[in-house]
């Protein structure tokens, strides 16, 4: 009985795993910075909560694109 071949997801080099971890950390850092400079607001069009960039930004992207 032979062992099954590792799939592409299972057979990753340590360098690739390190690069993936570094990319994940960078994405998290960007997300935290974005949330720090934005405010959670409710859209005036649909009432759904979204991340607002300031007092001028009161409608979510979906409602803005409909106008």
Protein backbone atom coordinates (compact mmCIF):
# COMPACT_ATOMS: atom_id res chain seq x y z
CA UNK A 1 0.00 0.00 0.00
CA UNK A 2 1.58 3.31 -1.04
CA UNK A 3 1.06 6.67 0.61
CA UNK A 4 -1.06 9.12 -1.34
CA UNK A 5 0.65 11.96 -3.16
CA UNK A 6 0.37 15.27 -1.28
CA UNK A 7 -1.96 17.76 -2.88
CA UNK A 8 -0.76 21.16 -3.98
CA UNK A 9 -2.13 22.76 -0.79
CA UNK A 10 -0.35 20.26 1.46
CA UNK A 11 3.06 20.41 -0.23
CA UNK A 12 4.26 23.97 0.38
CA UNK A 13 7.81 25.00 0.96
CA UNK A 14 8.80 26.86 4.13
CA UNK A 15 9.67 29.89 2.00
CA UNK A 16 6.19 29.95 0.48
CA UNK A 17 4.58 29.60 3.90
CA UNK A 18 6.72 32.45 5.26
CA UNK A 19 5.73 34.65 2.29
CA UNK A 20 2.04 33.84 2.84
CA UNK A 21 2.33 34.74 6.52
CA UNK A 22 4.07 38.02 5.67
CA UNK A 23 1.34 38.88 3.14
CA UNK A 24 -1.39 38.08 5.67
CA UNK A 25 0.30 40.31 8.25
CA UNK A 26 0.55 43.15 5.72
CA UNK A 27 -3.15 42.80 4.79
CA UNK A 28 -4.10 42.89 8.47
CA UNK A 29 -1.99 46.01 9.00
CA UNK A 30 -3.74 47.76 6.07
CA UNK A 31 -7.16 46.73 7.43
CA UNK A 32 -6.36 48.08 10.91
CA UNK A 33 -5.10 51.38 9.46
CA UNK A 34 -8.26 51.72 7.31
CA UNK A 35 -10.53 51.08 10.29
CA UNK A 36 -8.59 53.63 12.37
CA UNK A 37 -9.18 56.41 9.84
CA UNK A 38 -12.84 55.57 9.10
CA UNK A 39 -16.02 55.53 11.15
CA UNK A 40 -18.88 53.05 11.16
CA UNK A 41 -22.04 54.81 9.95
CA UNK A 42 -25.47 53.79 8.74
CA UNK A 43 -26.24 54.51 5.10
CA UNK A 44 -28.89 57.19 4.54
CA UNK A 45 -30.26 55.23 1.58
CA UNK A 46 -30.61 51.68 2.89
CA UNK A 47 -29.64 51.89 6.57
CA UNK A 48 -26.88 49.27 6.28
CA UNK A 49 -23.72 49.90 8.29
CA UNK A 50 -20.58 50.77 6.27
CA UNK A 51 -17.15 52.36 6.81
CA UNK A 52 -17.41 56.14 6.24
CA UNK A 53 -14.39 58.25 5.31
CA UNK A 54 -15.89 61.46 6.72
CA UNK A 55 -18.96 63.65 7.09
CA UNK A 56 -19.26 63.91 3.29
CA UNK A 57 -19.55 60.13 2.98
CA UNK A 58 -23.06 59.18 4.19
CA UNK A 59 -24.15 56.57 1.63
CA UNK A 60 -22.73 53.09 1.05
CA UNK A 61 -21.15 52.22 -2.30
CA UNK A 62 -24.20 50.30 -3.49
CA UNK A 63 -26.58 53.24 -2.88
CA UNK A 64 -24.10 55.73 -4.40
CA UNK A 65 -23.86 53.71 -7.60
CA UNK A 66 -27.66 53.69 -7.99
CA UNK A 67 -27.86 57.51 -8.11
